[in-house]
Amino acid sequence: MPNEKTFLAGDIGGTKTNIGLFEPGKRRPRLKTMRTYASRDAKGLETILEHFAKKHALSPASAAFGIAGPVVSGRSRTTNLPWVVSETRIRNYFGWKKVRLLNDLAATALSVPFLHGNQICPLNQERGQRHGPIGVVAPGTGLGEALLVYQDHHYVPISSEGGHVDFAPRTEEEVSLWHYLHGQFGHVSVERVLSGQGLVNIYQWLKNSGRYQEPGWFKERIETMDPAKTITDAALTNGLPLCRRALDHFVSVLGAVCGNLALTAMITGGVYLGGGIPPKILPALKEDLFLKAFTSKGRFQGFLEKIPVRVILDSKAALLGAAISAEEMAP
């Protein structure tokens, strides 16, 4: 018999997968236990769920999984993993009757109305329109975007693959960046700029331009450590000009992309920055560069200046959103 008081939730990313067991709470599902797995070490989601199930004797009332990739008819071929995940396969494998797959950014979006004050950092002091559309932009291993709209007295997430739209350069420097990336990849998506690897791409473009010097100590460090983290740390801690300029380009493009989404969907409820990168570059996001790029849309600058922009600080937001989705399915 399913345990009507527990919900299983998962946040499946290209780098790591969080699996959590939740129970009903006063305002939102309450996390009982969670485990993190290295995604690339597993053959598929079933392998991870089987390990978790053995540890916790699972019989959940429902299960929902946010996954980094498009979900069509309950099935997803992950963008940054060689996995195919299917609601039907999970149901049959574990005998769970209520299973849902949703895009990981849709899961993050679902969490937004339930996040506490200390889980969000404001980048401006604007207040969103009550029940207005909400947008989420999340750079991390890749770049995700999603919307949240209020309908029939509750919020409904809308998935997208907005991270794979064309990168639209706005300046001569960004045109140069586009040419550099086009030579490497052909199609230049926004994700080629706004992701962990995207920051590295910007860094390599600036280094190859010959306008900046790469110190020997940094060359050794970037070749032996996580390149994106190394660039970020050198920009924010050491003020290394090459890294600082790379981060500035990243922040400016991120602001422009957020502004574009806000206009496209008339996001009067607020734009929220999710994913692993924004909390790590918070000092840079708090500078004028981000909001200037966000609002610099000609005649609609005044409209954009009234839209609240927030950074999601909770790394488990997508897991919470998946749990909210699971609870909605429970009897």
C-alpha atoms as a PDB file:
ATOM      1  CA  MET A   1       0.000   0.000   0.000  1.00  0.00           C
ATOM      2  CA  PRO A   2       1.315   3.490  -0.850  1.00  0.00           C
ATOM      3  CA  ASN A   3       2.126   5.661   2.131  1.00  0.00           C
ATOM      4  CA  GLU A   4      -0.305   8.564   1.755  1.00  0.00           C
ATOM      5  CA  LYS A   5       1.933  10.753   3.899  1.00  0.00           C
ATOM      6  CA  THR A   6       5.109  10.626   1.783  1.00  0.00           C
ATOM      7  CA  PHE A   7       6.036  12.031  -1.614  1.00  0.00           C
ATOM      8  CA  LEU A   8       9.160  11.225  -3.573  1.00  0.00           C
ATOM      9  CA  ALA A   9      10.838  14.060  -5.477  1.00  0.00           C
ATOM     10  CA  GLY A  10      13.925  14.389  -7.626  1.00  0.00           C
ATOM     11  CA  ASP A  11      16.007  17.099  -9.243  1.00  0.00           C
ATOM     12  CA  ILE A  12      17.935  15.475 -12.082  1.00  0.00           C
ATOM     13  CA  GLY A  13      20.740  17.653 -13.414  1.00  0.00           C
ATOM     14  CA  GLY A  14      23.639  17.116 -15.767  1.00  0.00           C
ATOM     15  CA  THR A  15      26.113  17.166 -12.880  1.00  0.00           C
ATOM     16  CA  LYS A  16      24.213  15.925  -9.823  1.00  0.00           C
ATOM     17  CA  THR A  17      20.872  14.373  -8.935  1.00  0.00           C
ATOM     18  CA  ASN A  18      19.064  15.123  -5.667  1.00  0.00           C
ATOM     19  CA  ILE A  19      16.448  12.639  -4.468  1.00  0.00           C
ATOM     20  CA  GLY A  20      14.280  13.553  -1.496  1.00  0.00           C
ATOM     21  CA  LEU A  21      11.461  12.078   0.533  1.00  0.00           C
ATOM     22  CA  PHE A  22       8.861  14.605   1.682  1.00  0.00           C
ATOM     23  CA  GLU A  23       5.821  14.698   3.947  1.00  0.00           C
ATOM     24  CA  PRO A  24       2.971  17.233   4.099  1.00  0.00           C
ATOM     25  CA  GLY A  25       3.772  20.543   5.804  1.00  0.00           C
ATOM     26  CA  LYS A  26       1.685  23.543   6.839  1.00  0.00           C
ATOM     27  CA  ARG A  27       2.515  25.637   3.776  1.00  0.00           C
ATOM     28  CA  ARG A  28       4.694  23.416   1.619  1.00  0.00           C
ATOM     29  CA  PRO A  29       6.006  19.831   1.626  1.00  0.00           C
ATOM     30  CA  ARG A  30       8.563  19.171   4.363  1.00  0.00           C
ATOM     31  CA  LEU A  31      11.805  17.372   3.515  1.00  0.00           C
ATOM     32  CA  LYS A  32      12.378  14.228   5.607  1.00  0.00           C
ATOM     33  CA  THR A  33      15.573  12.958   4.006  1.00  0.00           C
ATOM     34  CA  MET A  34      17.664  13.628   0.904  1.00  0.00           C
ATOM     35  CA  ARG A  35      20.613  12.112  -0.909  1.00  0.00           C
ATOM     36  CA  THR A  36      22.800  13.546  -3.673  1.00  0.00           C
ATOM     37  CA  TYR A  37      24.227  11.403  -6.473  1.00  0.00           C
ATOM     38  CA  ALA A  38      26.757  12.141  -9.214  1.00  0.00           C
ATOM     39  CA  SER A  39      24.583  11.912 -12.324  1.00  0.00           C
ATOM     40  CA  ARG A  40      27.310  10.760 -14.696  1.00  0.00           C
ATOM     41  CA  ASP A  41      28.219   7.840 -12.427  1.00  0.00           C
ATOM     42  CA  ALA A  42      24.799   6.228 -12.953  1.00  0.00           C
ATOM     43  CA  LYS A  43      23.498   4.351 -16.009  1.00  0.00           C
ATOM     44  CA  GLY A  44      20.099   5.974 -15.612  1.00  0.00           C
ATOM     45  CA  LEU A  45      17.588   7.389 -13.149  1.00  0.00           C
ATOM     46  CA  GLU A  46      16.304   3.922 -12.249  1.00  0.00           C
ATOM     47  CA  THR A  47      19.747   2.992 -10.895  1.00  0.00           C
ATOM     48  CA  ILE A  48      19.706   6.010  -8.570  1.00  0.00           C
ATOM     49  CA  LEU A  49      16.114   5.455  -7.465  1.00  0.00           C
ATOM     50  CA  GLU A  50      16.801   1.775  -6.769  1.00  0.00           C
ATOM     51  CA  HIS A  51      19.689   2.711  -4.493  1.00  0.00           C
ATOM     52  CA  PHE A  52      17.582   5.324  -2.681  1.00  0.00           C
ATOM     53  CA  ALA A  53      14.635   2.928  -2.370  1.00  0.00           C
ATOM     54  CA  LYS A  54      16.795   0.253  -0.738  1.00  0.00           C
ATOM     55  CA  LYS A  55      17.905   2.768   1.891  1.00  0.00           C
ATOM     56  CA  HIS A  56      14.427   4.037   2.715  1.00  0.00           C
ATOM     57  CA  ALA A  57      11.918   1.214   2.004  1.00  0.00           C
ATOM     58  CA  LEU A  58       9.917   3.424  -0.314  1.00  0.00           C
ATOM     59  CA  SER A  59       6.208   3.218  -0.993  1.00  0.00           C
ATOM     60  CA  PRO A  60       5.345   6.860  -1.796  1.00  0.00           C
ATOM     61  CA  ALA A  61       1.867   8.134  -2.531  1.00  0.00           C
ATOM     62  CA  SER A  62       3.306   9.870  -5.598  1.00  0.00           C
ATOM     63  CA  ALA A  63       6.614  10.766  -7.222  1.00  0.00           C
ATOM     64  CA  ALA A  64       7.687  13.685  -9.387  1.00  0.00           C
ATOM     65  CA  PHE A  65      11.040  14.398 -10.998  1.00  0.00           C
ATOM     66  CA  GLY A  66      12.348  17.639 -12.431  1.00  0.00           C
ATOM     67  CA  ILE A  67      14.744  16.795 -15.235  1.00  0.00           C
ATOM     68  CA  ALA A  68      17.223  18.883 -17.220  1.00  0.00           C
ATOM     69  CA  GLY A  69      15.735  18.416 -20.673  1.00  0.00           C
ATOM     70  CA  PRO A  70      12.480  18.647 -22.627  1.00  0.00           C
ATOM     71  CA  VAL A  71       9.628  16.435 -21.391  1.00  0.00           C
ATOM     72  CA  VAL A  72       7.210  15.284 -24.088  1.00  0.00           C
ATOM     73  CA  SER A  73       4.367  12.852 -23.350  1.00  0.00           C
ATOM     74  CA  GLY A  74       5.978  11.773 -20.094  1.00  0.00           C
ATOM     75  CA  ARG A  75       9.358  11.031 -21.645  1.00  0.00           C
ATOM     76  CA  SER A  76      12.655  12.929 -21.714  1.00  0.00           C
ATOM     77  CA  ARG A  77      15.976  12.484 -23.439  1.00  0.00           C
ATOM     78  CA  THR A  78      18.274  14.451 -21.168  1.00  0.00           C
ATOM     79  CA  THR A  79      20.274  17.303 -22.692  1.00  0.00           C
ATOM     80  CA  ASN A  80      23.571  16.816 -20.842  1.00  0.00           C
ATOM     81  CA  LEU A  81      23.347  13.090 -19.988  1.00  0.00           C
ATOM     82  CA  PRO A  82      23.009   9.957 -22.154  1.00  0.00           C
ATOM     83  CA  TRP A  83      19.723   9.030 -20.449  1.00  0.00           C
ATOM     84  CA  VAL A  84      16.179   8.441 -21.629  1.00  0.00           C
ATOM     85  CA  VAL A  85      13.731   8.773 -18.733  1.00  0.00           C
ATOM     86  CA  SER A  86      10.111   7.665 -18.937  1.00  0.00           C
ATOM     87  CA  GLU A  87       7.189   7.940 -16.516  1.00  0.00           C
ATOM     88  CA  THR A  88       5.872   4.579 -17.769  1.00  0.00           C
ATOM     89  CA  ARG A  89       9.186   2.827 -17.254  1.00  0.00           C
ATOM     90  CA  ILE A  90       9.501   4.157 -13.667  1.00  0.00           C
ATOM     91  CA  ARG A  91       5.916   3.130 -12.877  1.00  0.00           C
ATOM     92  CA  ASN A  92       6.474  -0.385 -14.189  1.00  0.00           C
ATOM     93  CA  TYR A  93       9.924  -0.783 -12.626  1.00  0.00           C
ATOM     94  CA  PHE A  94       8.955   0.259  -9.097  1.00  0.00           C
ATOM     95  CA  GLY A  95       5.203  -0.330  -9.079  1.00  0.00           C
ATOM     96  CA  TRP A  96       4.413   3.302  -8.254  1.00  0.00           C
ATOM     97  CA  LYS A  97       1.062   4.371  -9.712  1.00  0.00           C
ATOM     98  CA  LYS A  98       1.512   8.138  -9.683  1.00  0.00           C
ATOM     99  CA  VAL A  99       4.716   9.311 -11.405  1.00  0.00           C
ATOM    100  CA  ARG A 100       5.328  12.620 -13.163  1.00  0.00           C
ATOM    101  CA  LEU A 101       8.254  14.019 -15.128  1.00  0.00           C
ATOM    102  CA  LEU A 102       8.578  17.761 -15.562  1.00  0.00           C
ATOM    103  CA  ASN A 103      11.290  20.045 -16.807  1.00  0.00           C
ATOM    104  CA  ASP A 104      13.684  21.022 -14.014  1.00  0.00           C
ATOM    105  CA  LEU A 105      13.065  24.731 -14.595  1.00  0.00           C
ATOM    106  CA  ALA A 106       9.316  24.153 -14.393  1.00  0.00           C
ATOM    107  CA  ALA A 107      10.008  22.520 -11.019  1.00  0.00           C
ATOM    108  CA  THR A 108      12.112  25.503  -9.922  1.00  0.00           C
ATOM    109  CA  ALA A 109       9.357  27.872 -11.023  1.00  0.00           C
ATOM    110  CA  LEU A 110       6.789  25.953  -8.941  1.00  0.00           C
ATOM    111  CA  SER A 111       8.906  26.548  -5.844  1.00  0.00           C
ATOM    112  CA  VAL A 112       9.065  30.342  -6.193  1.00  0.00           C
ATOM    113  CA  PRO A 113       5.788  31.266  -4.399  1.00  0.00           C
ATOM    114  CA  PHE A 114       6.831  29.008  -1.483  1.00  0.00           C
ATOM    115  CA  LEU A 115      10.375  30.242  -0.895  1.00  0.00           C
ATOM    116  CA  HIS A 116      11.137  32.025   2.382  1.00  0.00           C
ATOM    117  CA  GLY A 117      12.698  35.482   2.584  1.00  0.00           C
ATOM    118  CA  ASN A 118      16.173  34.196   3.414  1.00  0.00           C
ATOM    119  CA  GLN A 119      16.083  31.936   0.362  1.00  0.00           C
ATOM    120  CA  ILE A 120      15.887  34.910  -2.021  1.00  0.00           C
ATOM    121  CA  CYS A 121      18.154  37.916  -2.563  1.00  0.00           C
ATOM    122  CA  PRO A 122      16.612  41.020  -4.226  1.00  0.00           C
ATOM    123  CA  LEU A 123      18.598  42.846  -6.912  1.00  0.00           C
ATOM    124  CA  ASN A 124      16.163  45.770  -6.863  1.00  0.00           C
ATOM    125  CA  GLN A 125      13.431  46.984  -4.533  1.00  0.00           C
ATOM    126  CA  GLU A 126      10.450  46.660  -6.869  1.00  0.00           C
ATOM    127  CA  ARG A 127       7.348  44.706  -5.868  1.00  0.00           C
ATOM    128  CA  GLY A 128       5.721  42.334  -8.318  1.00  0.00           C
ATOM    129  CA  GLN A 129       2.123  42.426  -9.446  1.00  0.00           C
ATOM    130  CA  ARG A 130       0.027  40.012  -7.392  1.00  0.00           C
ATOM    131  CA  HIS A 131      -0.506  36.814  -9.398  1.00  0.00           C
ATOM    132  CA  GLY A 132       1.389  38.306 -12.332  1.00  0.00           C
ATOM    133  CA  PRO A 133       3.432  35.951 -14.550  1.00  0.00           C
ATOM    134  CA  ILE A 134       6.788  34.914 -13.072  1.00  0.00           C
ATOM    135  CA  GLY A 135       9.914  34.070 -15.062  1.00  0.00           C
ATOM    136  CA  VAL A 136      12.886  31.918 -14.067  1.00  0.00           C
ATOM    137  CA  VAL A 137      16.271  32.034 -15.797  1.00  0.00           C
ATOM    138  CA  ALA A 138      18.835  29.553 -14.500  1.00  0.00           C
ATOM    139  CA  PRO A 139      22.441  29.314 -15.687  1.00  0.00           C
ATOM    140  CA  GLY A 140      24.366  26.320 -14.400  1.00  0.00           C
ATOM    141  CA  THR A 141      25.646  23.252 -16.251  1.00  0.00           C
ATOM    142  CA  GLY A 142      23.328  24.498 -19.009  1.00  0.00           C
ATOM    143  CA  LEU A 143      20.824  27.359 -19.269  1.00  0.00           C
ATOM    144  CA  GLY A 144      17.176  26.883 -18.429  1.00  0.00           C
ATOM    145  CA  GLU A 145      14.141  29.139 -18.637  1.00  0.00           C
ATOM    146  CA  ALA A 146      10.549  28.691 -17.494  1.00  0.00           C
ATOM    147  CA  LEU A 147       7.405  30.658 -16.721  1.00  0.00           C
ATOM    148  CA  LEU A 148       4.835  30.445 -13.954  1.00  0.00           C
ATOM    149  CA  VAL A 149       1.296  31.689 -14.616  1.00  0.00           C
ATOM    150  CA  TYR A 150      -1.642  31.969 -12.245  1.00  0.00           C
ATOM    151  CA  GLN A 151      -4.755  30.165 -13.407  1.00  0.00           C
ATOM    152  CA  ASP A 152      -7.842  28.845 -11.605  1.00  0.00           C
ATOM    153  CA  HIS A 153      -6.514  29.874  -8.181  1.00  0.00           C
ATOM    154  CA  HIS A 154      -3.122  28.185  -8.482  1.00  0.00           C
ATOM    155  CA  TYR A 155       0.162  28.552 -10.340  1.00  0.00           C
ATOM    156  CA  VAL A 156       0.882  26.530 -13.466  1.00  0.00           C
ATOM    157  CA  PRO A 157       4.471  26.102 -14.730  1.00  0.00           C
ATOM    158  CA  ILE A 158       5.262  26.472 -18.419  1.00  0.00           C
ATOM    159  CA  SER A 159       8.392  24.717 -19.622  1.00  0.00           C
ATOM    160  CA  SER A 160      10.661  26.031 -22.331  1.00  0.00           C
ATOM    161  CA  GLU A 161      13.966  25.365 -24.060  1.00  0.00           C
ATOM    162  CA  GLY A 162      14.778  29.073 -24.108  1.00  0.00           C
ATOM    163  CA  GLY A 163      18.420  28.350 -23.351  1.00  0.00           C
ATOM    164  CA  HIS A 164      18.852  27.110 -26.911  1.00  0.00           C
ATOM    165  CA  VAL A 165      17.536  30.187 -28.727  1.00  0.00           C
ATOM    166  CA  ASP A 166      19.987  32.313 -30.708  1.00  0.00           C
ATOM    167  CA  PHE A 167      22.516  34.422 -28.860  1.00  0.00           C
ATOM    168  CA  ALA A 168      21.761  37.987 -29.987  1.00  0.00           C
ATOM    169  CA  PRO A 169      24.854  40.221 -29.681  1.00  0.00           C
ATOM    170  CA  ARG A 170      24.155  43.863 -28.755  1.00  0.00           C
ATOM    171  CA  THR A 171      27.599  45.461 -29.110  1.00  0.00           C
ATOM    172  CA  GLU A 172      30.610  45.226 -31.430  1.00  0.00           C
ATOM    173  CA  GLU A 173      32.423  43.215 -28.753  1.00  0.00           C
ATOM    174  CA  GLU A 174      29.554  40.750 -28.513  1.00  0.00           C
ATOM    175  CA  VAL A 175      29.506  40.474 -32.320  1.00  0.00           C
ATOM    176  CA  SER A 176      33.154  39.455 -32.071  1.00  0.00           C
ATOM    177  CA  LEU A 177      32.228  36.890 -29.403  1.00  0.00           C
ATOM    178  CA  TRP A 178      29.483  35.538 -31.677  1.00  0.00           C
ATOM    179  CA  HIS A 179      31.947  35.116 -34.556  1.00  0.00           C
ATOM    180  CA  TYR A 180      34.363  33.290 -32.271  1.00  0.00           C
ATOM    181  CA  LEU A 181      31.661  30.892 -31.048  1.00  0.00           C
ATOM    182  CA  HIS A 182      30.168  30.444 -34.516  1.00  0.00           C
ATOM    183  CA  GLY A 183      33.554  29.287 -35.747  1.00  0.00           C
ATOM    184  CA  GLN A 184      33.579  26.616 -33.042  1.00  0.00           C
ATOM    185  CA  PHE A 185      29.971  25.466 -32.851  1.00  0.00           C
ATOM    186  CA  GLY A 186      28.045  26.693 -35.888  1.00  0.00           C
ATOM    187  CA  HIS A 187      24.771  27.591 -34.200  1.00  0.00           C
ATOM    188  CA  VAL A 188      25.427  29.918 -31.244  1.00  0.00           C
ATOM    189  CA  SER A 189      22.779  29.433 -28.594  1.00  0.00           C
ATOM    190  CA  VAL A 190      22.502  31.578 -25.491  1.00  0.00           C
ATOM    191  CA  GLU A 191      23.644  28.541 -23.496  1.00  0.00           C
ATOM    192  CA  ARG A 192      27.038  28.771 -25.251  1.00  0.00           C
ATOM    193  CA  VAL A 193      27.492  32.022 -23.303  1.00  0.00           C
ATOM    194  CA  LEU A 194      25.347  31.645 -20.173  1.00  0.00           C
ATOM    195  CA  SER A 195      26.466  28.425 -18.486  1.00  0.00           C
ATOM    196  CA  GLY A 196      29.535  27.166 -16.687  1.00  0.00           C
ATOM    197  CA  GLN A 197      31.120  26.261 -20.009  1.00  0.00           C
ATOM    198  CA  GLY A 198      29.780  29.530 -21.417  1.00  0.00           C
ATOM    199  CA  LEU A 199      31.868  31.527 -18.954  1.00  0.00           C
ATOM    200  CA  VAL A 200      34.893  29.495 -20.025  1.00  0.00           C
ATOM    201  CA  ASN A 201      34.022  30.213 -23.679  1.00  0.00           C
ATOM    202  CA  ILE A 202      33.978  33.959 -22.966  1.00  0.00           C
ATOM    203  CA  TYR A 203      37.298  33.674 -21.148  1.00  0.00           C
ATOM    204  CA  GLN A 204      38.929  31.826 -24.058  1.00  0.00           C
ATOM    205  CA  TRP A 205      37.618  34.394 -26.549  1.00  0.00           C
ATOM    206  CA  LEU A 206      39.072  37.273 -24.530  1.00  0.00           C
ATOM    207  CA  LYS A 207      42.384  35.476 -24.036  1.00  0.00           C
ATOM    208  CA  ASN A 208      42.669  34.698 -27.760  1.00  0.00           C
ATOM    209  CA  SER A 209      41.981  38.356 -28.601  1.00  0.00           C
ATOM    210  CA  GLY A 210      45.445  39.215 -27.274  1.00  0.00           C
ATOM    211  CA  ARG A 211      44.118  42.145 -25.268  1.00  0.00           C
ATOM    212  CA  TYR A 212      44.619  40.462 -21.893  1.00  0.00           C
ATOM    213  CA  GLN A 213      47.483  38.565 -20.324  1.00  0.00           C
ATOM    214  CA  GLU A 214      46.974  35.184 -18.662  1.00  0.00           C
ATOM    215  CA  PRO A 215      49.402  34.950 -15.712  1.00  0.00           C
ATOM    216  CA  GLY A 216      51.402  31.744 -15.427  1.00  0.00           C
ATOM    217  CA  TRP A 217      50.043  30.919 -11.966  1.00  0.00           C
ATOM    218  CA  PHE A 218      46.488  31.215 -13.283  1.00  0.00           C
ATOM    219  CA  LYS A 219      47.161  29.124 -16.400  1.00  0.00           C
ATOM    220  CA  GLU A 220      48.284  26.264 -14.179  1.00  0.00           C
ATOM    221  CA  ARG A 221      45.271  26.664 -11.913  1.00  0.00           C
ATOM    222  CA  ILE A 222      42.657  26.757 -14.691  1.00  0.00           C
ATOM    223  CA  GLU A 223      44.133  23.619 -16.273  1.00  0.00           C
ATOM    224  CA  THR A 224      43.953  21.595 -13.060  1.00  0.00           C
ATOM    225  CA  MET A 225      40.793  22.893 -11.362  1.00  0.00           C
ATOM    226  CA  ASP A 226      37.164  23.581 -12.289  1.00  0.00           C
ATOM    227  CA  PRO A 227      37.648  26.280 -14.978  1.00  0.00           C
ATOM    228  CA  ALA A 228      34.394  28.199 -14.396  1.00  0.00           C
ATOM    229  CA  LYS A 229      34.876  28.311 -10.622  1.00  0.00           C
ATOM    230  CA  THR A 230      38.528  29.288 -11.082  1.00  0.00           C
ATOM    231  CA  ILE A 231      37.577  32.174 -13.376  1.00  0.00           C
ATOM    232  CA  THR A 232      34.861  33.350 -10.994  1.00  0.00           C
ATOM    233  CA  ASP A 233      37.118  33.212  -7.933  1.00  0.00           C
ATOM    234  CA  ALA A 234      39.913  35.098  -9.726  1.00  0.00           C
ATOM    235  CA  ALA A 235      37.445  37.750 -10.877  1.00  0.00           C
ATOM    236  CA  LEU A 236      35.793  38.350  -7.508  1.00  0.00           C
ATOM    237  CA  THR A 237      38.697  37.693  -5.136  1.00  0.00           C
ATOM    238  CA  ASN A 238      41.851  38.573  -7.070  1.00  0.00           C
ATOM    239  CA  GLY A 239      40.395  41.104  -9.509  1.00  0.00           C
ATOM    240  CA  LEU A 240      42.338  39.489 -12.368  1.00  0.00           C
ATOM    241  CA  PRO A 241      41.484  41.741 -15.373  1.00  0.00           C
ATOM    242  CA  LEU A 242      40.975  38.885 -17.873  1.00  0.00           C
ATOM    243  CA  CYS A 243      38.647  37.026 -15.520  1.00  0.00           C
ATOM    244  CA  ARG A 244      36.847  40.156 -14.363  1.00  0.00           C
ATOM    245  CA  ARG A 245      36.137  41.165 -17.953  1.00  0.00           C
ATOM    246  CA  ALA A 246      34.857  37.661 -18.730  1.00  0.00           C
ATOM    247  CA  LEU A 247      32.514  37.793 -15.748  1.00  0.00           C
ATOM    248  CA  ASP A 248      31.311  41.279 -16.719  1.00  0.00           C
ATOM    249  CA  HIS A 249      30.359  40.015 -20.189  1.00  0.00           C
ATOM    250  CA  PHE A 250      28.561  37.069 -18.614  1.00  0.00           C
ATOM    251  CA  VAL A 251      26.585  39.303 -16.239  1.00  0.00           C
ATOM    252  CA  SER A 252      25.652  41.777 -18.974  1.00  0.00           C
ATOM    253  CA  VAL A 253      24.393  39.081 -21.345  1.00  0.00           C
ATOM    254  CA  LEU A 254      22.456  37.486 -18.467  1.00  0.00           C
ATOM    255  CA  GLY A 255      20.763  40.811 -17.741  1.00  0.00           C
ATOM    256  CA  ALA A 256      19.824  41.248 -21.398  1.00  0.00           C
ATOM    257  CA  VAL A 257      18.411  37.716 -21.649  1.00  0.00           C
ATOM    258  CA  CYS A 258      16.331  38.227 -18.488  1.00  0.00           C
ATOM    259  CA  GLY A 259      14.982  41.485 -19.918  1.00  0.00           C
ATOM    260  CA  ASN A 260      14.067  39.757 -23.167  1.00  0.00           C
ATOM    261  CA  LEU A 261      12.119  37.075 -21.301  1.00  0.00           C
ATOM    262  CA  ALA A 262      10.367  39.711 -19.201  1.00  0.00           C
ATOM    263  CA  LEU A 263       9.179  41.474 -22.357  1.00  0.00           C
ATOM    264  CA  THR A 264       8.259  38.294 -24.224  1.00  0.00           C
ATOM    265  CA  ALA A 265       5.992  37.013 -21.454  1.00  0.00           C
ATOM    266  CA  MET A 266       5.014  40.328 -19.802  1.00  0.00           C
ATOM    267  CA  ILE A 267       6.527  39.106 -16.547  1.00  0.00           C
ATOM    268  CA  THR A 268       4.953  41.489 -14.061  1.00  0.00           C
ATOM    269  CA  GLY A 269       5.297  39.068 -11.138  1.00  0.00           C
ATOM    270  CA  GLY A 270       9.091  39.109 -11.151  1.00  0.00           C
ATOM    271  CA  VAL A 271      12.169  37.541 -12.704  1.00  0.00           C
ATOM    272  CA  TYR A 272      14.004  34.978 -10.583  1.00  0.00           C
ATOM    273  CA  LEU A 273      17.558  33.826 -11.223  1.00  0.00           C
ATOM    274  CA  GLY A 274      17.984  30.141 -10.421  1.00  0.00           C
ATOM    275  CA  GLY A 275      20.649  27.568 -11.154  1.00  0.00           C
ATOM    276  CA  GLY A 276      24.029  27.060  -9.562  1.00  0.00           C
ATOM    277  CA  ILE A 277      25.834  30.121 -10.914  1.00  0.00           C
ATOM    278  CA  PRO A 278      23.892  33.233  -9.712  1.00  0.00           C
ATOM    279  CA  PRO A 279      24.471  32.696  -5.955  1.00  0.00           C
ATOM    280  CA  LYS A 280      28.200  32.255  -6.654  1.00  0.00           C
ATOM    281  CA  ILE A 281      28.459  35.544  -8.581  1.00  0.00           C
ATOM    282  CA  LEU A 282      26.082  37.529  -6.367  1.00  0.00           C
ATOM    283  CA  PRO A 283      28.542  40.420  -5.784  1.00  0.00           C
ATOM    284  CA  ALA A 284      28.802  40.948  -9.547  1.00  0.00           C
ATOM    285  CA  LEU A 285      25.025  40.736 -10.009  1.00  0.00           C
ATOM    286  CA  LYS A 286      24.513  43.435  -7.367  1.00  0.00           C
ATOM    287  CA  GLU A 287      26.554  45.910  -9.417  1.00  0.00           C
ATOM    288  CA  ASP A 288      24.879  48.213 -11.950  1.00  0.00           C
ATOM    289  CA  LEU A 289      25.878  46.164 -14.998  1.00  0.00           C
ATOM    290  CA  PHE A 290      23.170  43.506 -14.661  1.00  0.00           C
ATOM    291  CA  LEU A 291      20.190  45.821 -14.114  1.00  0.00           C
ATOM    292  CA  LYS A 292      21.431  48.221 -16.795  1.00  0.00           C
ATOM    293  CA  ALA A 293      21.406  45.390 -19.340  1.00  0.00           C
ATOM    294  CA  PHE A 294      18.058  44.161 -17.987  1.00  0.00           C
ATOM    295  CA  THR A 295      16.311  47.505 -18.483  1.00  0.00           C
ATOM    296  CA  SER A 296      18.076  48.781 -21.630  1.00  0.00           C
ATOM    297  CA  LYS A 297      15.237  48.005 -24.023  1.00  0.00           C
ATOM    298  CA  GLY A 298      14.538  51.403 -25.562  1.00  0.00           C
ATOM    299  CA  ARG A 299      10.950  52.525 -25.182  1.00  0.00           C
ATOM    300  CA  PHE A 300      10.211  49.749 -22.656  1.00  0.00           C
ATOM    301  CA  GLN A 301      12.903  50.727 -20.181  1.00  0.00           C
ATOM    302  CA  GLY A 302      10.320  52.218 -17.822  1.00  0.00           C
ATOM    303  CA  PHE A 303       8.264  49.012 -17.897  1.00  0.00           C
ATOM    304  CA  LEU A 304      11.283  46.881 -17.051  1.00  0.00           C
ATOM    305  CA  GLU A 305      12.426  49.177 -14.246  1.00  0.00           C
ATOM    306  CA  LYS A 306       9.232  48.268 -12.348  1.00  0.00           C
ATOM    307  CA  ILE A 307       9.815  44.501 -12.505  1.00  0.00           C
ATOM    308  CA  PRO A 308      11.347  42.883  -9.404  1.00  0.00           C
ATOM    309  CA  VAL A 309      14.473  40.782  -9.952  1.00  0.00           C
ATOM    310  CA  ARG A 310      15.492  38.195  -7.357  1.00  0.00           C
ATOM    311  CA  VAL A 311      18.227  35.585  -6.989  1.00  0.00           C
ATOM    312  CA  ILE A 312      17.172  32.168  -5.659  1.00  0.00           C
ATOM    313  CA  LEU A 313      19.693  31.217  -2.980  1.00  0.00           C
ATOM    314  CA  ASP A 314      18.203  27.811  -2.121  1.00  0.00           C
ATOM    315  CA  SER A 315      20.042  25.083  -4.034  1.00  0.00           C
ATOM    316  CA  LYS A 316      17.112  22.714  -3.379  1.00  0.00           C
ATOM    317  CA  ALA A 317      14.440  24.904  -5.018  1.00  0.00           C
ATOM    318  CA  ALA A 318      13.913  22.516  -7.944  1.00  0.00           C
ATOM    319  CA  LEU A 319      13.611  19.577  -5.531  1.00  0.00           C
ATOM    320  CA  LEU A 320      10.978  21.491  -3.548  1.00  0.00           C
ATOM    321  CA  GLY A 321       9.096  22.279  -6.768  1.00  0.00           C
ATOM    322  CA  ALA A 322       9.106  18.600  -7.724  1.00  0.00           C
ATOM    323  CA  ALA A 323       7.740  17.749  -4.260  1.00  0.00           C
ATOM    324  CA  ILE A 324       4.971  20.338  -4.713  1.00  0.00           C
ATOM    325  CA  SER A 325       4.100  18.689  -8.018  1.00  0.00           C
ATOM    326  CA  ALA A 326       4.095  15.235  -6.363  1.00  0.00           C
ATOM    327  CA  GLU A 327       1.837  16.450  -3.569  1.00  0.00           C
ATOM    328  CA  GLU A 328      -0.640  17.782  -6.128  1.00  0.00           C
ATOM    329  CA  MET A 329      -0.996  14.226  -7.525  1.00  0.00           C
ATOM    330  CA  ALA A 330      -1.406  12.524  -4.144  1.00  0.00           C
ATOM    331  CA  PRO A 331      -4.859  11.163  -3.228  1.00  0.00           C
END
